[in-house]
Amino acid sequence: MVIAIRKSDTKTDDNLVELSAADADEILETDVEVKLKWFNQPKGFGFVVPNDKDVDAFLHITTLQKAEIQNIGEGAVLICDIGYGSKGAMVRAVKAMLDAGLMPGENSEELVQKSGFNGMEGTVKWYKPDKGFGFVIPDDGKKDVFVHKTCLEKHDIDSLIPGQRIKMAVKDVPKGREAVTIELTGSNDTTVINFNPANSAE
């Protein structure tokens, strides 16, 4: 369900979403099923992705607190109201939590079982710390898997080097595949140690 909300409406109806001063108009979509992309607990915010849209919606910790949600993990599934305004998409309310996701201490295999993501191993192709992303060559022989720095940060990994062997949970995204969890296995593949990302088309 989609509702158009005007800033003036918020003055007369307490049931409408409270908008920030910068939002003159906002489109509110209610009862949207979303999956948590990532959430930084110390900083108090993260992003969710609606199942039917290629857009990230901002999620603040106070919105979770209002829904009395204390813990939330990678891949969590929520029912939310999302506002689309001049500053992008923002979760305005959390109605329910269908799945709490991957909690601290759980591994990639547990996330795969709970969320339906694909679990696999692979070899780091290249990673650019200055850019904050890289690619992994998956053992399944299919398209390389994109790895963003936020995935590393969640698992206290500073960087990756070519040839490192990893275990990961992978999700499908519009442009290919992306790692949502990553674990170092402690072994290396020397065949790609000297790989030069400048020569890669990725």
Foldseek 3Di string as FASTA:
>chain_A
DKDKDAQVVVVPDVPDFHDDPVFRIKIKDFFFKWWFLDADVVVFKGWIGTPVDQFTAIEGNVQCVVVVHDAAEHGWIWTFMWIQGPVGIYTRHTDGTPGRADGPPDAQVVRCVRRVFDKFKFWFQAADLVVQKGWTCTPVRDDIAIEGNVQCVVVVHNTDAGFFMKIFTWDAHPVGIYTSHIDTPPGGDVVRRPRDCVPDPD
